[in-house]
Amino acid sequence: MTRTSFKKRSPEPRRVSLLLADDHPLFRKGLRDAIEGIGRYEILGEAKDGEAALTLIEQLKPRIALLDIDMPKMTGLQVAREVIRRRIETDLIILTMHEDREIFEMAMQIGVMGYILKDSAVEDILQCIETILAGKTYVSPTLTHHLMVKQGKSAQGLEAKLGLSNLTATERKILSLVAQSRSTKQIAEELFISPKT
């Protein structure tokens, strides 16, 4: 008689609970289908406006809520502010079409963990979710690039206004060191030039 060995089954990994809030049913359906197709995530509910989103977040307490920034009744930012004020332990992702720096900064000040453009690939949205699960903040790479380019353009405009665009690399370095309150001797040592130059 042979002995049969029974291995103890490892428990199913717990699926990550999500909530979707967007006033466009087609967007919600597309996102739901893409996310649920992975198998790692469970969509606990959907909301078509901000008030419904807040109610569902409070009742269902999903691990992460994906909030459209422009919803009827309450915006995604208003929902996020209220979730954080009520100390509901749900991390928040803002989905937006806006590449506006002020809105982005407002979202970060409120305490959202993810900020992603709605036209991002599903892979980016999944990467955002996974980054948040690892305890880090995620910003859409497209948006990061856009904000950096915008910042660069405004910095270039300021340089031109101040007449700094004609400075050589060495002159820029000296100006930077002067701004750091370095002495003439320290600047000379750093640039390997005579203090009398």
Foldseek 3Di string as FASTA:
>chain_A
DDDDDDDDDDDDPAAAEEEEEALDPVLVVVLCVVVVVVVRHDYPYYHNALVVQLVCCVVVVGQEYEAEQDGPPHGLLRSLLVCVVVPRNHAYAYEYQDLDPVVVVSSVVSPHQHYEYSPDDSVLVVVQVVCVVVVHGYYHPVSVVVVVVVVVVVVVVVCVVVVNPPDDPLRVLVVVVVVVVDDLVVSCVVVVHDSVD
